[in-house]
Amino acid sequence: MLSRTADHLFWMSRYTERAESTARMLNVNYETSLLPQSASKAQEGWLGLLSISELIPDYTARYGEITQEKVLTYMVRDERNPSSIYSCIQAARENARAVRGALTTEVWETQNHTWLAIHKHMQDGALERDPGQFFEWVKYRSHLSRGVTLGTMLHDEAYRFMRLGTSLERADNTARLLDVKFHAVQSDFHGSVRNPTRATPEFDFYHWSAILRSVSAFEIYRKVYRDVITPERVAELLMLRADMPRSLHSNMKQVVDNLAAVANEHSGETQRKAGRLLADLSYGRIEEILATGLHAYLTQFLDRVNELGSRISRDFLVPVHH
């Protein structure tokens, strides 16, 4: 398979997943902002969201004060922000157009329709009218893109590179979300693990349930633990559960499996590093991770995922800047 084609497919999927993850994070912040809280607490939430994507310097240079309205504008419709939902959907469509011949008609039309529809939504004020509904639309279009890919694409190398892009991006975003949201509660969540049967205060409940809802895990949490929501179990579910679709473990398993399917003579070390990262998640225990510090663990995880992305580009894809 041509490396340039693989590159476009990989990034098409990453940008589609990034648009969805951004919509999820914006939605949880928007819903949390509706709860009774101080103005400074609300502002902290929006600041945290910008820090997830490492966008605070760029935002403050152009928008100054951090407000809900300005952050939503910046993260949804700002064409100069490469991480905005608008920019991600545009980039996904451009990558799809470049390899139109490698996609089924259904996959291409889904990407193209999403791009055309977001223009309409931006013009008719869908975001301002009902932010929650707009974010649900972004999530729905991403779900549709994945479903059409799974249901219509031949499961060959092209499909594998698309799955690689989705899994790597999702692992990265889940780790960033966890890191920032735990950081908002405690500067570095570590030390002795609190009693998991202890009922959390009301604000804690809404905080953690909002995080779970942002990754479609609220019902899953109830099914798995059948108990009150505790930070330890939220971390365990989103990091170590192999059967949780957006967990670090589940997505690293996808990365390892898809790397094996497209392996070439250059990719041995990349596969080893991916396998090592998966092993850490497979055999890790949440008590040990929390005892040594969640922030430190997630920072290292993000560094390793970033290195994996660079290695995949070097081993398989066109070395271009994205």
C-alpha atoms as a PDB file:
ATOM      1  CA  MET A   1       0.000   0.000   0.000  1.00  0.00           C
ATOM      2  CA  LEU A   2       1.284   3.484  -0.858  1.00  0.00           C
ATOM      3  CA  SER A   3       2.540   5.290   2.236  1.00  0.00           C
ATOM      4  CA  ARG A   4       0.843   8.505   1.137  1.00  0.00           C
ATOM      5  CA  THR A   5      -2.527   6.741   0.986  1.00  0.00           C
ATOM      6  CA  ALA A   6      -1.929   5.187   4.415  1.00  0.00           C
ATOM      7  CA  ASP A   7      -1.032   8.632   5.761  1.00  0.00           C
ATOM      8  CA  HIS A   8      -4.284  10.231   4.573  1.00  0.00           C
ATOM      9  CA  LEU A   9      -6.410   7.364   5.934  1.00  0.00           C
ATOM     10  CA  PHE A  10      -4.621   7.456   9.300  1.00  0.00           C
ATOM     11  CA  TRP A  11      -5.122  11.221   9.684  1.00  0.00           C
ATOM     12  CA  MET A  12      -8.692  11.196   8.359  1.00  0.00           C
ATOM     13  CA  SER A  13      -9.598   8.878  11.239  1.00  0.00           C
ATOM     14  CA  ARG A  14      -7.569  10.817  13.805  1.00  0.00           C
ATOM     15  CA  TYR A  15      -9.247  14.102  12.914  1.00  0.00           C
ATOM     16  CA  THR A  16     -12.729  12.532  12.971  1.00  0.00           C
ATOM     17  CA  GLU A  17     -12.029  11.095  16.428  1.00  0.00           C
ATOM     18  CA  ARG A  18     -10.518  14.410  17.599  1.00  0.00           C
ATOM     19  CA  ALA A  19     -13.668  16.312  16.577  1.00  0.00           C
ATOM     20  CA  GLU A  20     -15.773  13.857  18.577  1.00  0.00           C
ATOM     21  CA  SER A  21     -13.494  14.009  21.629  1.00  0.00           C
ATOM     22  CA  THR A  22     -13.537  17.815  21.553  1.00  0.00           C
ATOM     23  CA  ALA A  23     -17.347  17.775  21.366  1.00  0.00           C
ATOM     24  CA  ARG A  24     -17.468  15.384  24.334  1.00  0.00           C
ATOM     25  CA  MET A  25     -15.185  17.547  26.464  1.00  0.00           C
ATOM     26  CA  LEU A  26     -17.030  20.765  25.554  1.00  0.00           C
ATOM     27  CA  ASN A  27     -20.358  19.125  26.340  1.00  0.00           C
ATOM     28  CA  VAL A  28     -19.310  17.937  29.799  1.00  0.00           C
ATOM     29  CA  ASN A  29     -17.962  21.408  30.583  1.00  0.00           C
ATOM     30  CA  TYR A  30     -21.122  23.058  29.331  1.00  0.00           C
ATOM     31  CA  GLU A  31     -23.333  20.758  31.421  1.00  0.00           C
ATOM     32  CA  THR A  32     -21.143  21.242  34.501  1.00  0.00           C
ATOM     33  CA  SER A  33     -21.327  25.031  34.030  1.00  0.00           C
ATOM     34  CA  LEU A  34     -25.110  24.826  34.501  1.00  0.00           C
ATOM     35  CA  LEU A  35     -24.652  23.537  38.070  1.00  0.00           C
ATOM     36  CA  PRO A  36     -24.696  26.030  40.953  1.00  0.00           C
ATOM     37  CA  GLN A  37     -21.086  27.164  41.425  1.00  0.00           C
ATOM     38  CA  SER A  38     -18.936  30.267  41.764  1.00  0.00           C
ATOM     39  CA  ALA A  39     -17.782  32.201  38.695  1.00  0.00           C
ATOM     40  CA  SER A  40     -14.155  31.347  39.479  1.00  0.00           C
ATOM     41  CA  LYS A  41     -14.990  27.627  39.672  1.00  0.00           C
ATOM     42  CA  ALA A  42     -16.750  27.801  36.309  1.00  0.00           C
ATOM     43  CA  GLN A  43     -13.774  29.617  34.780  1.00  0.00           C
ATOM     44  CA  GLU A  44     -11.430  26.907  36.123  1.00  0.00           C
ATOM     45  CA  GLY A  45     -13.423  24.354  34.145  1.00  0.00           C
ATOM     46  CA  TRP A  46     -12.954  26.213  30.856  1.00  0.00           C
ATOM     47  CA  LEU A  47      -9.280  26.809  31.642  1.00  0.00           C
ATOM     48  CA  GLY A  48      -8.878  23.078  32.253  1.00  0.00           C
ATOM     49  CA  LEU A  49     -10.479  22.295  28.907  1.00  0.00           C
ATOM     50  CA  LEU A  50      -7.976  24.516  27.082  1.00  0.00           C
ATOM     51  CA  SER A  51      -5.109  22.896  28.975  1.00  0.00           C
ATOM     52  CA  ILE A  52      -6.263  19.415  27.852  1.00  0.00           C
ATOM     53  CA  SER A  53      -5.416  20.416  24.278  1.00  0.00           C
ATOM     54  CA  GLU A  54      -2.418  22.560  25.301  1.00  0.00           C
ATOM     55  CA  LEU A  55      -4.073  25.623  23.787  1.00  0.00           C
ATOM     56  CA  ILE A  56      -3.933  28.176  26.630  1.00  0.00           C
ATOM     57  CA  PRO A  57      -1.112  30.323  25.095  1.00  0.00           C
ATOM     58  CA  ASP A  58      -2.791  30.476  21.672  1.00  0.00           C
ATOM     59  CA  TYR A  59      -6.206  31.230  23.164  1.00  0.00           C
ATOM     60  CA  THR A  60      -5.048  33.985  25.512  1.00  0.00           C
ATOM     61  CA  ALA A  61      -3.009  35.645  22.739  1.00  0.00           C
ATOM     62  CA  ARG A  62      -6.117  36.029  20.604  1.00  0.00           C
ATOM     63  CA  TYR A  63      -9.070  36.097  22.977  1.00  0.00           C
ATOM     64  CA  GLY A  64      -7.650  37.316  26.288  1.00  0.00           C
ATOM     65  CA  GLU A  65     -10.132  36.657  29.083  1.00  0.00           C
ATOM     66  CA  ILE A  66     -11.411  33.105  29.517  1.00  0.00           C
ATOM     67  CA  THR A  67     -15.211  33.005  29.248  1.00  0.00           C
ATOM     68  CA  GLN A  68     -17.629  30.263  28.255  1.00  0.00           C
ATOM     69  CA  GLU A  69     -18.756  32.072  25.110  1.00  0.00           C
ATOM     70  CA  LYS A  70     -15.220  32.785  23.901  1.00  0.00           C
ATOM     71  CA  VAL A  71     -13.941  29.254  24.614  1.00  0.00           C
ATOM     72  CA  LEU A  72     -16.900  27.726  22.750  1.00  0.00           C
ATOM     73  CA  THR A  73     -16.226  29.998  19.768  1.00  0.00           C
ATOM     74  CA  TYR A  74     -12.515  29.130  19.826  1.00  0.00           C
ATOM     75  CA  MET A  75     -12.999  25.362  20.228  1.00  0.00           C
ATOM     76  CA  VAL A  76     -15.914  24.977  17.806  1.00  0.00           C
ATOM     77  CA  ARG A  77     -15.781  27.430  14.900  1.00  0.00           C
ATOM     78  CA  ASP A  78     -12.354  29.136  14.913  1.00  0.00           C
ATOM     79  CA  GLU A  79     -10.643  28.200  11.627  1.00  0.00           C
ATOM     80  CA  ARG A  80      -7.283  29.418  12.966  1.00  0.00           C
ATOM     81  CA  ASN A  81      -7.411  26.839  15.767  1.00  0.00           C
ATOM     82  CA  PRO A  82      -6.316  23.494  14.240  1.00  0.00           C
ATOM     83  CA  SER A  83      -7.996  21.651  17.127  1.00  0.00           C
ATOM     84  CA  SER A  84     -11.423  23.286  16.727  1.00  0.00           C
ATOM     85  CA  ILE A  85     -14.296  21.018  15.688  1.00  0.00           C
ATOM     86  CA  TYR A  86     -14.639  22.956  12.421  1.00  0.00           C
ATOM     87  CA  SER A  87     -10.916  22.570  11.603  1.00  0.00           C
ATOM     88  CA  CYS A  88     -10.902  18.846  12.485  1.00  0.00           C
ATOM     89  CA  ILE A  89     -13.930  18.090  10.294  1.00  0.00           C
ATOM     90  CA  GLN A  90     -12.364  20.092   7.459  1.00  0.00           C
ATOM     91  CA  ALA A  91      -9.035  18.234   7.812  1.00  0.00           C
ATOM     92  CA  ALA A  92     -10.806  14.849   7.933  1.00  0.00           C
ATOM     93  CA  ARG A  93     -12.701  15.673   4.735  1.00  0.00           C
ATOM     94  CA  GLU A  94      -9.562  16.915   2.938  1.00  0.00           C
ATOM     95  CA  ASN A  95      -7.691  13.714   3.823  1.00  0.00           C
ATOM     96  CA  ALA A  96     -10.669  11.644   2.644  1.00  0.00           C
ATOM     97  CA  ARG A  97     -10.840  13.573  -0.644  1.00  0.00           C
ATOM     98  CA  ALA A  98      -7.148  12.919  -1.298  1.00  0.00           C
ATOM     99  CA  VAL A  99      -7.735   9.134  -1.175  1.00  0.00           C
ATOM    100  CA  ARG A 100     -11.283   9.043  -2.532  1.00  0.00           C
ATOM    101  CA  GLY A 101     -10.401   5.935  -4.571  1.00  0.00           C
ATOM    102  CA  ALA A 102      -9.381   3.953  -1.470  1.00  0.00           C
ATOM    103  CA  LEU A 103     -12.731   4.569   0.250  1.00  0.00           C
ATOM    104  CA  THR A 104     -16.164   3.100  -0.370  1.00  0.00           C
ATOM    105  CA  THR A 105     -18.798   5.513  -1.656  1.00  0.00           C
ATOM    106  CA  GLU A 106     -20.550   5.380   1.732  1.00  0.00           C
ATOM    107  CA  VAL A 107     -17.424   6.349   3.697  1.00  0.00           C
ATOM    108  CA  TRP A 108     -16.638   9.262   1.366  1.00  0.00           C
ATOM    109  CA  GLU A 109     -20.222  10.543   1.331  1.00  0.00           C
ATOM    110  CA  THR A 110     -20.400  10.415   5.128  1.00  0.00           C
ATOM    111  CA  GLN A 111     -17.242  12.528   5.469  1.00  0.00           C
ATOM    112  CA  ASN A 112     -18.324  14.936   2.750  1.00  0.00           C
ATOM    113  CA  HIS A 113     -21.847  15.358   4.122  1.00  0.00           C
ATOM    114  CA  THR A 114     -20.471  16.102   7.615  1.00  0.00           C
ATOM    115  CA  TRP A 115     -18.284  18.850   6.155  1.00  0.00           C
ATOM    116  CA  LEU A 116     -21.159  20.389   4.195  1.00  0.00           C
ATOM    117  CA  ALA A 117     -23.541  20.152   7.156  1.00  0.00           C
ATOM    118  CA  ILE A 118     -21.244  21.852   9.657  1.00  0.00           C
ATOM    119  CA  HIS A 119     -21.208  24.933   7.390  1.00  0.00           C
ATOM    120  CA  LYS A 120     -24.983  25.051   7.623  1.00  0.00           C
ATOM    121  CA  HIS A 121     -24.884  24.617  11.412  1.00  0.00           C
ATOM    122  CA  MET A 122     -22.342  27.419  11.785  1.00  0.00           C
ATOM    123  CA  GLN A 123     -24.478  29.764   9.690  1.00  0.00           C
ATOM    124  CA  ASP A 124     -27.856  29.060  11.300  1.00  0.00           C
ATOM    125  CA  GLY A 125     -26.573  29.453  14.880  1.00  0.00           C
ATOM    126  CA  ALA A 126     -26.998  25.820  15.975  1.00  0.00           C
ATOM    127  CA  LEU A 127     -24.219  26.137  18.565  1.00  0.00           C
ATOM    128  CA  GLU A 128     -25.647  29.277  20.172  1.00  0.00           C
ATOM    129  CA  ARG A 129     -29.216  27.966  20.102  1.00  0.00           C
ATOM    130  CA  ASP A 130     -28.503  24.639  21.810  1.00  0.00           C
ATOM    131  CA  PRO A 131     -24.836  23.723  22.487  1.00  0.00           C
ATOM    132  CA  GLY A 132     -25.750  20.294  23.872  1.00  0.00           C
ATOM    133  CA  GLN A 133     -27.683  19.311  20.754  1.00  0.00           C
ATOM    134  CA  PHE A 134     -24.872  20.528  18.497  1.00  0.00           C
ATOM    135  CA  PHE A 135     -22.298  18.420  20.383  1.00  0.00           C
ATOM    136  CA  GLU A 136     -24.585  15.390  20.109  1.00  0.00           C
ATOM    137  CA  TRP A 137     -24.695  15.966  16.328  1.00  0.00           C
ATOM    138  CA  VAL A 138     -20.870  15.968  16.137  1.00  0.00           C
ATOM    139  CA  LYS A 139     -20.740  12.721  18.138  1.00  0.00           C
ATOM    140  CA  TYR A 140     -23.431  11.175  15.918  1.00  0.00           C
ATOM    141  CA  ARG A 141     -21.520  12.022  12.722  1.00  0.00           C
ATOM    142  CA  SER A 142     -18.376  10.435  14.173  1.00  0.00           C
ATOM    143  CA  HIS A 143     -20.328   7.313  15.184  1.00  0.00           C
ATOM    144  CA  LEU A 144     -21.770   7.170  11.671  1.00  0.00           C
ATOM    145  CA  SER A 145     -18.308   7.483  10.101  1.00  0.00           C
ATOM    146  CA  ARG A 146     -16.952   4.593  12.197  1.00  0.00           C
ATOM    147  CA  GLY A 147     -20.023   2.433  11.577  1.00  0.00           C
ATOM    148  CA  VAL A 148     -19.917   2.956   7.809  1.00  0.00           C
ATOM    149  CA  THR A 149     -16.180   2.173   7.804  1.00  0.00           C
ATOM    150  CA  LEU A 150     -16.732  -1.050   9.731  1.00  0.00           C
ATOM    151  CA  GLY A 151     -19.730  -2.067   7.642  1.00  0.00           C
ATOM    152  CA  THR A 152     -18.538  -1.261   4.117  1.00  0.00           C
ATOM    153  CA  MET A 153     -14.705  -1.222   3.977  1.00  0.00           C
ATOM    154  CA  LEU A 154     -12.702  -4.319   3.094  1.00  0.00           C
ATOM    155  CA  HIS A 155     -10.720  -5.201   6.240  1.00  0.00           C
ATOM    156  CA  ASP A 156      -7.392  -4.772   4.489  1.00  0.00           C
ATOM    157  CA  GLU A 157      -4.419  -2.494   5.158  1.00  0.00           C
ATOM    158  CA  ALA A 158      -6.430   0.648   4.397  1.00  0.00           C
ATOM    159  CA  TYR A 159      -8.957  -0.316   7.077  1.00  0.00           C
ATOM    160  CA  ARG A 160      -6.147  -1.120   9.538  1.00  0.00           C
ATOM    161  CA  PHE A 161      -4.559   2.316   9.177  1.00  0.00           C
ATOM    162  CA  MET A 162      -7.946   3.926   9.771  1.00  0.00           C
ATOM    163  CA  ARG A 163      -8.395   1.864  12.951  1.00  0.00           C
ATOM    164  CA  LEU A 164      -4.858   2.753  14.057  1.00  0.00           C
ATOM    165  CA  GLY A 165      -5.618   6.458  13.754  1.00  0.00           C
ATOM    166  CA  THR A 166      -8.885   6.158  15.697  1.00  0.00           C
ATOM    167  CA  SER A 167      -7.397   4.080  18.545  1.00  0.00           C
ATOM    168  CA  LEU A 168      -4.273   6.193  18.998  1.00  0.00           C
ATOM    169  CA  GLU A 169      -6.261   9.441  19.045  1.00  0.00           C
ATOM    170  CA  ARG A 170      -8.850   8.041  21.454  1.00  0.00           C
ATOM    171  CA  ALA A 171      -6.204   6.762  23.900  1.00  0.00           C
ATOM    172  CA  ASP A 172      -4.540  10.180  23.834  1.00  0.00           C
ATOM    173  CA  ASN A 173      -7.789  12.047  24.471  1.00  0.00           C
ATOM    174  CA  THR A 174      -8.971   9.758  27.285  1.00  0.00           C
ATOM    175  CA  ALA A 175      -5.618  10.177  29.058  1.00  0.00           C
ATOM    176  CA  ARG A 176      -5.760  13.980  28.693  1.00  0.00           C
ATOM    177  CA  LEU A 177      -9.335  14.132  29.976  1.00  0.00           C
ATOM    178  CA  LEU A 178      -8.494  11.997  33.017  1.00  0.00           C
ATOM    179  CA  ASP A 179      -5.373  13.966  33.824  1.00  0.00           C
ATOM    180  CA  VAL A 180      -7.043  17.376  33.735  1.00  0.00           C
ATOM    181  CA  LYS A 181     -10.260  16.335  35.492  1.00  0.00           C
ATOM    182  CA  PHE A 182      -8.397  14.608  38.346  1.00  0.00           C
ATOM    183  CA  HIS A 183      -6.070  17.594  38.537  1.00  0.00           C
ATOM    184  CA  ALA A 184      -9.098  19.856  39.017  1.00  0.00           C
ATOM    185  CA  VAL A 185      -9.999  17.943  42.169  1.00  0.00           C
ATOM    186  CA  GLN A 186      -6.543  17.353  43.551  1.00  0.00           C
ATOM    187  CA  SER A 187      -3.168  18.693  42.386  1.00  0.00           C
ATOM    188  CA  ASP A 188      -1.730  15.183  42.187  1.00  0.00           C
ATOM    189  CA  PHE A 189      -4.079  12.355  43.007  1.00  0.00           C
ATOM    190  CA  HIS A 190      -1.903   9.897  44.884  1.00  0.00           C
ATOM    191  CA  GLY A 191      -1.173   8.480  48.305  1.00  0.00           C
ATOM    192  CA  SER A 192      -3.467   6.162  50.180  1.00  0.00           C
ATOM    193  CA  VAL A 193      -6.551   5.113  48.264  1.00  0.00           C
ATOM    194  CA  ARG A 194      -9.680   6.386  49.926  1.00  0.00           C
ATOM    195  CA  ASN A 195     -12.359   4.018  51.150  1.00  0.00           C
ATOM    196  CA  PRO A 196     -14.247   3.075  47.953  1.00  0.00           C
ATOM    197  CA  THR A 197     -17.500   2.573  49.863  1.00  0.00           C
ATOM    198  CA  ARG A 198     -17.473   6.137  51.223  1.00  0.00           C
ATOM    199  CA  ALA A 199     -20.231   8.261  49.704  1.00  0.00           C
ATOM    200  CA  THR A 200     -18.841  11.251  47.805  1.00  0.00           C
ATOM    201  CA  PRO A 201     -20.147  14.773  48.385  1.00  0.00           C
ATOM    202  CA  GLU A 202     -22.816  16.025  46.027  1.00  0.00           C
ATOM    203  CA  PHE A 203     -20.473  18.106  43.875  1.00  0.00           C
ATOM    204  CA  ASP A 204     -18.049  15.169  43.612  1.00  0.00           C
ATOM    205  CA  PHE A 205     -20.891  12.988  42.360  1.00  0.00           C
ATOM    206  CA  TYR A 206     -21.784  15.447  39.599  1.00  0.00           C
ATOM    207  CA  HIS A 207     -18.106  15.979  38.744  1.00  0.00           C
ATOM    208  CA  TRP A 208     -17.307  12.283  38.336  1.00  0.00           C
ATOM    209  CA  SER A 209     -20.624  11.368  36.698  1.00  0.00           C
ATOM    210  CA  ALA A 210     -20.069  14.182  34.168  1.00  0.00           C
ATOM    211  CA  ILE A 211     -16.635  12.739  33.348  1.00  0.00           C
ATOM    212  CA  LEU A 212     -18.167   9.283  32.875  1.00  0.00           C
ATOM    213  CA  ARG A 213     -20.906  10.672  30.641  1.00  0.00           C
ATOM    214  CA  SER A 214     -18.319  12.510  28.548  1.00  0.00           C
ATOM    215  CA  VAL A 215     -16.882   9.134  27.469  1.00  0.00           C
ATOM    216  CA  SER A 216     -20.261   7.316  27.360  1.00  0.00           C
ATOM    217  CA  ALA A 217     -19.321   5.326  30.460  1.00  0.00           C
ATOM    218  CA  PHE A 218     -21.976   6.258  33.034  1.00  0.00           C
ATOM    219  CA  GLU A 219     -24.197   3.234  32.380  1.00  0.00           C
ATOM    220  CA  ILE A 220     -21.126   1.018  32.020  1.00  0.00           C
ATOM    221  CA  TYR A 221     -19.861   2.152  35.433  1.00  0.00           C
ATOM    222  CA  ARG A 222     -23.201   1.255  37.035  1.00  0.00           C
ATOM    223  CA  LYS A 223     -23.168  -2.162  35.369  1.00  0.00           C
ATOM    224  CA  VAL A 224     -19.565  -2.957  36.372  1.00  0.00           C
ATOM    225  CA  TYR A 225     -19.425  -1.574  39.930  1.00  0.00           C
ATOM    226  CA  ARG A 226     -23.079  -1.318  41.057  1.00  0.00           C
ATOM    227  CA  ASP A 227     -22.059   1.203  43.715  1.00  0.00           C
ATOM    228  CA  VAL A 228     -21.403   4.885  44.390  1.00  0.00           C
ATOM    229  CA  ILE A 229     -19.063   6.661  41.990  1.00  0.00           C
ATOM    230  CA  THR A 230     -15.534   6.978  43.385  1.00  0.00           C
ATOM    231  CA  PRO A 231     -12.472   8.570  41.737  1.00  0.00           C
ATOM    232  CA  GLU A 232     -10.467   5.330  42.070  1.00  0.00           C
ATOM    233  CA  ARG A 233     -13.007   3.321  40.145  1.00  0.00           C
ATOM    234  CA  VAL A 234     -13.457   6.012  37.493  1.00  0.00           C
ATOM    235  CA  ALA A 235      -9.686   5.879  36.913  1.00  0.00           C
ATOM    236  CA  GLU A 236      -9.690   2.066  36.842  1.00  0.00           C
ATOM    237  CA  LEU A 237     -12.577   1.911  34.363  1.00  0.00           C
ATOM    238  CA  LEU A 238     -11.082   4.464  31.969  1.00  0.00           C
ATOM    239  CA  MET A 239      -7.532   3.145  32.199  1.00  0.00           C
ATOM    240  CA  LEU A 240      -7.370  -0.590  32.894  1.00  0.00           C
ATOM    241  CA  ARG A 241     -10.658  -2.180  31.771  1.00  0.00           C
ATOM    242  CA  ALA A 242     -10.044  -4.084  28.534  1.00  0.00           C
ATOM    243  CA  ASP A 243     -13.800  -4.270  27.809  1.00  0.00           C
ATOM    244  CA  MET A 244     -14.437  -0.510  28.079  1.00  0.00           C
ATOM    245  CA  PRO A 245     -14.381   0.947  24.503  1.00  0.00           C
ATOM    246  CA  ARG A 246     -12.733   4.265  25.376  1.00  0.00           C
ATOM    247  CA  SER A 247     -10.270   2.967  27.998  1.00  0.00           C
ATOM    248  CA  LEU A 248      -6.505   3.232  27.583  1.00  0.00           C
ATOM    249  CA  HIS A 249      -6.213  -0.581  27.749  1.00  0.00           C
ATOM    250  CA  SER A 250      -8.858  -1.231  25.076  1.00  0.00           C
ATOM    251  CA  ASN A 251      -7.383   1.259  22.627  1.00  0.00           C
ATOM    252  CA  MET A 252      -3.786   0.139  23.114  1.00  0.00           C
ATOM    253  CA  LYS A 253      -4.958  -3.420  22.391  1.00  0.00           C
ATOM    254  CA  GLN A 254      -6.410  -2.102  19.109  1.00  0.00           C
ATOM    255  CA  VAL A 255      -3.119  -0.334  18.322  1.00  0.00           C
ATOM    256  CA  VAL A 256      -1.075  -3.503  18.950  1.00  0.00           C
ATOM    257  CA  ASP A 257      -3.431  -5.706  16.891  1.00  0.00           C
ATOM    258  CA  ASN A 258      -3.554  -3.322  13.929  1.00  0.00           C
ATOM    259  CA  LEU A 259       0.211  -2.735  13.997  1.00  0.00           C
ATOM    260  CA  ALA A 260       0.692  -6.499  13.769  1.00  0.00           C
ATOM    261  CA  ALA A 261      -1.595  -6.607  10.723  1.00  0.00           C
ATOM    262  CA  VAL A 262       0.397  -3.961   8.794  1.00  0.00           C
ATOM    263  CA  ALA A 263       3.884  -4.830  10.107  1.00  0.00           C
ATOM    264  CA  ASN A 264       6.855  -4.298   7.805  1.00  0.00           C
ATOM    265  CA  GLU A 265      10.647  -4.702   8.054  1.00  0.00           C
ATOM    266  CA  HIS A 266      10.991  -1.321   9.835  1.00  0.00           C
ATOM    267  CA  SER A 267       8.235  -1.629  12.435  1.00  0.00           C
ATOM    268  CA  GLY A 268       9.684  -4.142  14.923  1.00  0.00           C
ATOM    269  CA  GLU A 269      10.734  -1.569  17.518  1.00  0.00           C
ATOM    270  CA  THR A 270       7.423   0.302  17.200  1.00  0.00           C
ATOM    271  CA  GLN A 271       5.529  -2.940  17.815  1.00  0.00           C
ATOM    272  CA  ARG A 272       7.734  -3.704  20.825  1.00  0.00           C
ATOM    273  CA  LYS A 273       7.064  -0.314  22.390  1.00  0.00           C
ATOM    274  CA  ALA A 274       3.316  -0.600  21.756  1.00  0.00           C
ATOM    275  CA  GLY A 275       3.320  -4.100  23.259  1.00  0.00           C
ATOM    276  CA  ARG A 276       5.243  -2.888  26.301  1.00  0.00           C
ATOM    277  CA  LEU A 277       2.717  -0.105  26.873  1.00  0.00           C
ATOM    278  CA  LEU A 278      -0.166  -2.566  26.527  1.00  0.00           C
ATOM    279  CA  ALA A 279       1.525  -4.948  29.011  1.00  0.00           C
ATOM    280  CA  ASP A 280       1.765  -2.137  31.593  1.00  0.00           C
ATOM    281  CA  LEU A 281      -1.994  -1.572  31.279  1.00  0.00           C
ATOM    282  CA  SER A 282      -2.824  -5.296  31.162  1.00  0.00           C
ATOM    283  CA  TYR A 283      -0.972  -6.136  34.371  1.00  0.00           C
ATOM    284  CA  GLY A 284      -1.192  -2.801  36.186  1.00  0.00           C
ATOM    285  CA  ARG A 285      -3.269  -2.275  39.328  1.00  0.00           C
ATOM    286  CA  ILE A 286      -5.046   0.996  40.022  1.00  0.00           C
ATOM    287  CA  GLU A 287      -3.837   0.993  43.655  1.00  0.00           C
ATOM    288  CA  GLU A 288      -0.210   0.979  42.496  1.00  0.00           C
ATOM    289  CA  ILE A 289      -0.804   3.700  39.915  1.00  0.00           C
ATOM    290  CA  LEU A 290      -2.546   5.978  42.424  1.00  0.00           C
ATOM    291  CA  ALA A 291       0.103   5.295  45.071  1.00  0.00           C
ATOM    292  CA  THR A 292       2.881   6.571  42.785  1.00  0.00           C
ATOM    293  CA  GLY A 293       0.803   9.429  41.329  1.00  0.00           C
ATOM    294  CA  LEU A 294      -1.829   9.476  38.609  1.00  0.00           C
ATOM    295  CA  HIS A 295      -0.564  12.691  37.005  1.00  0.00           C
ATOM    296  CA  ALA A 296       2.957  11.289  36.642  1.00  0.00           C
ATOM    297  CA  TYR A 297       1.602   8.032  35.166  1.00  0.00           C
ATOM    298  CA  LEU A 298      -0.652   9.784  32.632  1.00  0.00           C
ATOM    299  CA  THR A 299       2.063  12.264  31.636  1.00  0.00           C
ATOM    300  CA  GLN A 300       4.376   9.356  30.879  1.00  0.00           C
ATOM    301  CA  PHE A 301       1.582   7.539  29.029  1.00  0.00           C
ATOM    302  CA  LEU A 302       0.955  10.588  26.814  1.00  0.00           C
ATOM    303  CA  ASP A 303       4.674  10.878  26.056  1.00  0.00           C
ATOM    304  CA  ARG A 304       4.755   7.205  25.044  1.00  0.00           C
ATOM    305  CA  VAL A 305       1.638   7.528  22.864  1.00  0.00           C
ATOM    306  CA  ASN A 306       3.131  10.605  21.196  1.00  0.00           C
ATOM    307  CA  GLU A 307       6.330   8.657  20.508  1.00  0.00           C
ATOM    308  CA  LEU A 308       4.264   5.800  19.060  1.00  0.00           C
ATOM    309  CA  GLY A 309       2.523   8.235  16.717  1.00  0.00           C
ATOM    310  CA  SER A 310       5.886   9.561  15.542  1.00  0.00           C
ATOM    311  CA  ARG A 311       7.197   6.014  15.041  1.00  0.00           C
ATOM    312  CA  ILE A 312       4.129   4.962  13.059  1.00  0.00           C
ATOM    313  CA  SER A 313       4.615   8.009  10.814  1.00  0.00           C
ATOM    314  CA  ARG A 314       8.297   7.137  10.348  1.00  0.00           C
ATOM    315  CA  ASP A 315       7.698   3.413   9.711  1.00  0.00           C
ATOM    316  CA  PHE A 316       4.629   3.581   7.471  1.00  0.00           C
ATOM    317  CA  LEU A 317       3.521   7.081   6.513  1.00  0.00           C
ATOM    318  CA  VAL A 318       4.692  10.136   4.646  1.00  0.00           C
ATOM    319  CA  PRO A 319       6.814  12.251   7.039  1.00  0.00           C
ATOM    320  CA  VAL A 320       4.714  15.404   6.877  1.00  0.00           C
ATOM    321  CA  HIS A 321       3.725  17.862   9.595  1.00  0.00           C
ATOM    322  CA  HIS A 322       0.094  17.719  10.798  1.00  0.00           C
END
